[in-house]
């Protein structure tokens, strides 16, 4: 397709799909959303250790959605009743969707829960890492009880927490409080992706949850980014450049 003011060669270059190796290579600069999952069974070990050091209310914090190209990053803070810990808690990534839904209901019924949501506009302004850390602090502050020790999944503790914080790498597979937070964050975000899918079904958010799946990258090429995309992420910015240049692949597909 030739665009006014462009050569045939230039048009051919701009119309390359985002799913090409060159475009996929851009994803290497994006923060990972998850590490390889090593099956473990979370316990109260870290909660009990904090209590031995003087803590009385320990909360777990985790996020969902750092890596996707679209949608919010969601953070949850959870304070469990150690005498009523739901059975089957684990890292949300090793649980089935059905198990996560059931545990979500039980956690919400038995624990103190706070949820913080950072939309793409906040992610663009702060960057994904800082938005995630800021969301963790907001989730802790949003609890209806005042935690005096925070267990955070990962290797960073958010600044300006209202109490002591402890980073635990792989914490969602080690601490039941963090595991519970990971489930709440994951289920909440998945439900939000269902809503996003209703608003913009051509992107397929319900299936890939905004991650860089081939289907998603193809839709970005065909339609350009939508209202839920993270425009500070390279594939979304590249898709916008194609759209601004007048390369509308969806029209070509329809014409074919």
Protein backbone atom coordinates (compact mmCIF):
# COMPACT_ATOMS: atom_id res chain seq x y z
CA UNK A 1 0.00 0.00 0.00
CA UNK A 2 1.35 3.44 -0.90
CA UNK A 3 0.65 6.43 1.32
CA UNK A 4 0.73 9.97 -0.10
CA UNK A 5 4.14 11.45 0.37
CA UNK A 6 5.82 8.08 0.97
CA UNK A 7 7.75 5.82 -1.36
CA UNK A 8 6.69 2.25 -2.04
CA UNK A 9 9.74 1.10 -0.11
CA UNK A 10 8.84 3.20 2.94
CA UNK A 11 5.26 1.89 2.89
CA UNK A 12 6.47 -1.68 2.81
CA UNK A 13 8.63 -1.09 5.87
CA UNK A 14 5.94 0.61 7.98
CA UNK A 15 3.39 -2.07 7.20
CA UNK A 16 5.43 -4.89 8.72
CA UNK A 17 3.43 -6.70 11.42
CA UNK A 18 4.24 -6.10 15.07
CA UNK A 19 4.65 -9.82 15.48
CA UNK A 20 7.88 -9.77 13.47
CA UNK A 21 11.13 -10.77 15.21
CA UNK A 22 12.27 -7.14 15.28
CA UNK A 23 9.12 -6.00 17.05
CA UNK A 24 9.13 -8.94 19.44
CA UNK A 25 12.71 -8.04 20.37
CA UNK A 26 11.36 -4.80 21.83
CA UNK A 27 9.71 -6.83 24.55
CA UNK A 28 13.11 -7.72 25.97
CA UNK A 29 13.34 -4.22 27.44
CA UNK A 30 10.06 -4.62 29.29
CA UNK A 31 10.01 -5.71 32.95
CA UNK A 32 9.14 -9.36 33.46
CA UNK A 33 5.74 -10.01 34.96
CA UNK A 34 6.74 -13.30 36.46
CA UNK A 35 9.70 -15.58 36.98
CA UNK A 36 9.82 -19.34 36.33
CA UNK A 37 7.50 -20.99 38.84
CA UNK A 38 9.15 -23.48 41.18
CA UNK A 39 6.41 -25.45 42.97
CA UNK A 40 6.45 -24.77 46.71
CA UNK A 41 3.91 -24.70 49.48
CA UNK A 42 3.50 -21.38 51.28
CA UNK A 43 3.39 -21.39 55.08
CA UNK A 44 3.12 -18.99 58.02
CA UNK A 45 6.89 -19.09 58.56
CA UNK A 46 7.52 -15.44 57.68
CA UNK A 47 4.41 -14.20 59.49
CA UNK A 48 5.42 -16.04 62.67
CA UNK A 49 8.99 -14.74 62.45
CA UNK A 50 7.69 -11.17 62.23
CA UNK A 51 5.41 -11.73 65.22
CA UNK A 52 8.35 -13.06 67.25
CA UNK A 53 10.12 -9.78 66.54
CA UNK A 54 7.17 -7.80 67.94
CA UNK A 55 4.72 -7.43 65.05
CA UNK A 56 1.02 -7.94 65.72
CA UNK A 57 -0.61 -7.44 62.32
CA UNK A 58 1.28 -8.83 59.32
CA UNK A 59 0.06 -8.28 55.78
CA UNK A 60 1.14 -9.79 52.47
CA UNK A 61 1.40 -7.71 49.30
CA UNK A 62 1.58 -8.77 45.66
CA UNK A 63 0.77 -7.39 42.22
CA UNK A 64 -0.60 -8.67 38.93
CA UNK A 65 -0.04 -7.21 35.49
CA UNK A 66 3.43 -5.70 35.27
CA UNK A 67 4.25 -7.22 31.90
CA UNK A 68 1.13 -6.79 29.72
CA UNK A 69 0.86 -4.25 26.92
CA UNK A 70 -2.59 -3.17 28.07
CA UNK A 71 -4.70 -2.75 31.15
CA UNK A 72 -3.86 -1.80 34.73
CA UNK A 73 -1.40 -3.20 37.20
CA UNK A 74 -3.35 -4.35 40.25
CA UNK A 75 -1.96 -4.66 43.77
CA UNK A 76 -3.52 -6.34 46.78
CA UNK A 77 -2.65 -6.26 50.48
CA UNK A 78 -4.08 -9.03 52.65
CA UNK A 79 -4.12 -9.60 56.40
CA UNK A 80 -5.05 -13.19 57.19
CA UNK A 81 -6.56 -14.57 60.37
CA UNK A 82 -3.89 -17.14 61.16
CA UNK A 83 -6.52 -19.40 62.69
CA UNK A 84 -8.67 -19.30 59.55
CA UNK A 85 -6.18 -19.59 56.71
CA UNK A 86 -7.96 -20.86 53.58
CA UNK A 87 -6.81 -24.29 52.48
CA UNK A 88 -4.99 -24.50 49.16
CA UNK A 89 -3.39 -21.06 49.12
CA UNK A 90 -0.50 -20.83 46.69
CA UNK A 91 1.10 -18.61 44.09
CA UNK A 92 -1.75 -17.62 41.78
CA UNK A 93 0.29 -18.69 38.74
CA UNK A 94 0.23 -22.37 39.76
CA UNK A 95 -3.52 -22.43 40.41
CA UNK A 96 -6.27 -22.97 37.89
CA UNK A 97 -8.68 -20.14 37.14
CA UNK A 98 -11.45 -22.07 38.90
CA UNK A 99 -9.33 -22.58 42.02
CA UNK A 100 -8.38 -18.91 42.07
CA UNK A 101 -12.03 -17.89 41.92
CA UNK A 102 -12.97 -20.16 44.83
CA UNK A 103 -10.03 -18.99 46.94
CA UNK A 104 -10.84 -15.38 46.08
CA UNK A 105 -14.29 -15.79 47.61
CA UNK A 106 -12.86 -17.42 50.74
CA UNK A 107 -10.12 -14.84 51.22
CA UNK A 108 -12.58 -11.99 50.84
CA UNK A 109 -14.84 -13.61 53.44
CA UNK A 110 -12.14 -14.42 56.00
CA UNK A 111 -9.41 -11.78 55.62
CA UNK A 112 -8.89 -8.03 55.58
CA UNK A 113 -8.25 -7.03 51.97
CA UNK A 114 -7.23 -3.86 50.19
CA UNK A 115 -6.88 -3.43 46.42
CA UNK A 116 -5.08 -0.69 44.50
CA UNK A 117 -5.38 -0.23 40.73
CA UNK A 118 -2.92 1.72 38.57
CA UNK A 119 -4.32 2.42 35.07
CA UNK A 120 -2.17 2.93 31.95
CA UNK A 121 -2.14 6.71 32.49
CA UNK A 122 -0.43 6.29 35.87
CA UNK A 123 1.95 3.66 34.47
CA UNK A 124 2.96 6.06 31.67
CA UNK A 125 3.58 8.88 34.13
CA UNK A 126 5.54 6.89 36.73
CA UNK A 127 6.88 3.89 34.72
CA UNK A 128 5.72 0.35 35.43
CA UNK A 129 8.10 -0.37 38.32
CA UNK A 130 7.37 2.81 40.23
CA UNK A 131 3.64 2.48 39.58
CA UNK A 132 3.74 -1.04 41.03
CA UNK A 133 5.66 0.07 44.12
CA UNK A 134 3.39 3.09 44.61
CA UNK A 135 0.38 0.80 44.30
CA UNK A 136 1.79 -1.47 47.00
CA UNK A 137 2.02 1.44 49.41
CA UNK A 138 -1.50 2.55 48.55
CA UNK A 139 -2.85 -0.96 49.12
CA UNK A 140 -1.23 -1.14 52.57
CA UNK A 141 -2.59 2.29 53.49
CA UNK A 142 -6.04 1.19 52.31
CA UNK A 143 -6.33 -1.64 54.83
CA UNK A 144 -9.01 -1.16 57.48
CA UNK A 145 -6.53 -2.39 60.09
CA UNK A 146 -3.09 -0.89 60.64
CA UNK A 147 -0.42 -3.39 59.64
CA UNK A 148 2.89 -3.19 61.51
CA UNK A 149 4.83 -5.55 59.22
CA UNK A 150 4.53 -5.94 55.45
CA UNK A 151 5.69 -8.96 53.46
CA UNK A 152 6.26 -8.01 49.82
CA UNK A 153 6.71 -10.39 46.92
CA UNK A 154 9.92 -9.55 45.05
CA UNK A 155 13.25 -7.94 45.87
CA UNK A 156 12.13 -4.35 46.53
CA UNK A 157 10.26 -2.77 49.42
CA UNK A 158 8.17 0.30 48.52
CA UNK A 159 9.31 3.61 49.95
CA UNK A 160 7.35 5.35 52.68
CA UNK A 161 5.47 2.33 53.98
CA UNK A 162 3.74 3.11 57.28
CA UNK A 163 5.61 0.25 58.95
CA UNK A 164 8.46 -2.20 58.51
CA UNK A 165 8.64 -3.99 55.18
CA UNK A 166 10.31 -7.20 54.09
CA UNK A 167 10.94 -8.24 50.49
CA UNK A 168 10.77 -11.98 49.77
CA UNK A 169 11.83 -13.25 46.36
CA UNK A 170 9.30 -15.87 45.32
CA UNK A 171 7.18 -14.82 48.27
CA UNK A 172 3.90 -15.87 46.69
CA UNK A 173 5.10 -19.45 46.96
CA UNK A 174 6.53 -19.06 50.47
CA UNK A 175 4.15 -16.89 52.50
CA UNK A 176 0.42 -17.60 52.76
CA UNK A 177 -0.27 -13.87 53.16
CA UNK A 178 1.53 -13.02 49.93
CA UNK A 179 -0.08 -15.99 48.19
CA UNK A 180 -3.50 -14.68 49.21
CA UNK A 181 -2.60 -11.21 47.90
CA UNK A 182 -1.43 -12.71 44.59
CA UNK A 183 -4.79 -14.45 44.16
CA UNK A 184 -6.82 -11.33 44.92
CA UNK A 185 -4.71 -9.22 42.54
CA UNK A 186 -4.84 -11.81 39.74
CA UNK A 187 -8.59 -12.45 39.92
CA UNK A 188 -9.35 -8.73 40.15
CA UNK A 189 -7.23 -7.95 37.11
CA UNK A 190 -8.63 -10.87 35.10
CA UNK A 191 -12.15 -9.58 35.75
CA UNK A 192 -11.12 -6.13 34.60
CA UNK A 193 -9.75 -7.68 31.40
CA UNK A 194 -13.15 -9.23 30.78
CA UNK A 195 -14.65 -5.74 30.89
CA UNK A 196 -11.93 -4.44 28.59
CA UNK A 197 -12.78 -7.25 26.18
CA UNK A 198 -16.43 -6.18 26.13
CA UNK A 199 -15.39 -2.63 25.24
CA UNK A 200 -12.80 -3.59 22.59
CA UNK A 201 -13.46 -7.22 21.59
CA UNK A 202 -11.17 -7.08 18.54
CA UNK A 203 -8.11 -7.13 20.81
CA UNK A 204 -9.04 -10.37 22.61
CA UNK A 205 -8.25 -9.15 26.13
CA UNK A 206 -10.38 -11.89 27.71
CA UNK A 207 -8.01 -14.59 26.46
CA UNK A 208 -4.50 -13.10 26.68
CA UNK A 209 -5.17 -10.53 29.43
CA UNK A 210 -3.19 -7.87 27.59
CA UNK A 211 0.04 -9.84 27.29
CA UNK A 212 2.09 -9.85 24.08
CA UNK A 213 0.47 -12.93 22.57
CA UNK A 214 0.65 -13.24 18.76
CA UNK A 215 -3.10 -12.62 18.55
CA UNK A 216 -2.68 -9.38 20.48
CA UNK A 217 0.25 -8.14 18.40
CA UNK A 218 -1.64 -8.89 15.20
CA UNK A 219 -4.63 -6.90 16.48
CA UNK A 220 -2.34 -4.00 17.34
CA UNK A 221 -1.05 -4.03 13.78
CA UNK A 222 -4.55 -4.24 12.33
CA UNK A 223 -6.32 -1.64 14.46
CA UNK A 224 -3.70 0.44 16.23
CA UNK A 225 -3.73 0.79 20.03
CA UNK A 226 -6.97 1.22 21.95
CA UNK A 227 -7.91 3.11 25.07
CA UNK A 228 -6.52 0.45 27.41
CA UNK A 229 -3.05 0.15 25.89
CA UNK A 230 0.12 1.30 27.62
CA UNK A 231 1.51 3.84 25.22
CA UNK A 232 4.88 3.96 26.98
CA UNK A 233 5.44 0.30 26.00
CA UNK A 234 7.35 -0.07 22.73
CA UNK A 235 4.92 -2.28 20.75
CA UNK A 236 2.02 0.06 21.52
CA UNK A 237 4.04 3.12 20.53
CA UNK A 238 5.09 1.37 17.31
CA UNK A 239 1.46 0.54 16.51
CA UNK A 240 0.49 4.17 17.06
CA UNK A 241 3.19 5.29 14.64
CA UNK A 242 1.74 2.97 11.98
CA UNK A 243 -1.72 4.37 12.63
CA UNK A 244 -0.49 7.96 12.47
CA UNK A 245 1.22 7.16 9.17
CA UNK A 246 -2.09 6.01 7.75
CA UNK A 247 -1.27 2.31 7.63
CA UNK A 248 -4.61 0.73 8.54
CA UNK A 249 -4.16 -3.00 8.07
CA UNK A 250 -7.73 -3.73 9.16
CA UNK A 251 -8.98 -1.96 6.01
CA UNK A 252 -6.68 -4.09 3.85
CA UNK A 253 -7.92 -7.29 5.49
CA UNK A 254 -11.55 -6.27 5.04
CA UNK A 255 -10.95 -5.41 1.39
CA UNK A 256 -9.32 -8.79 0.76
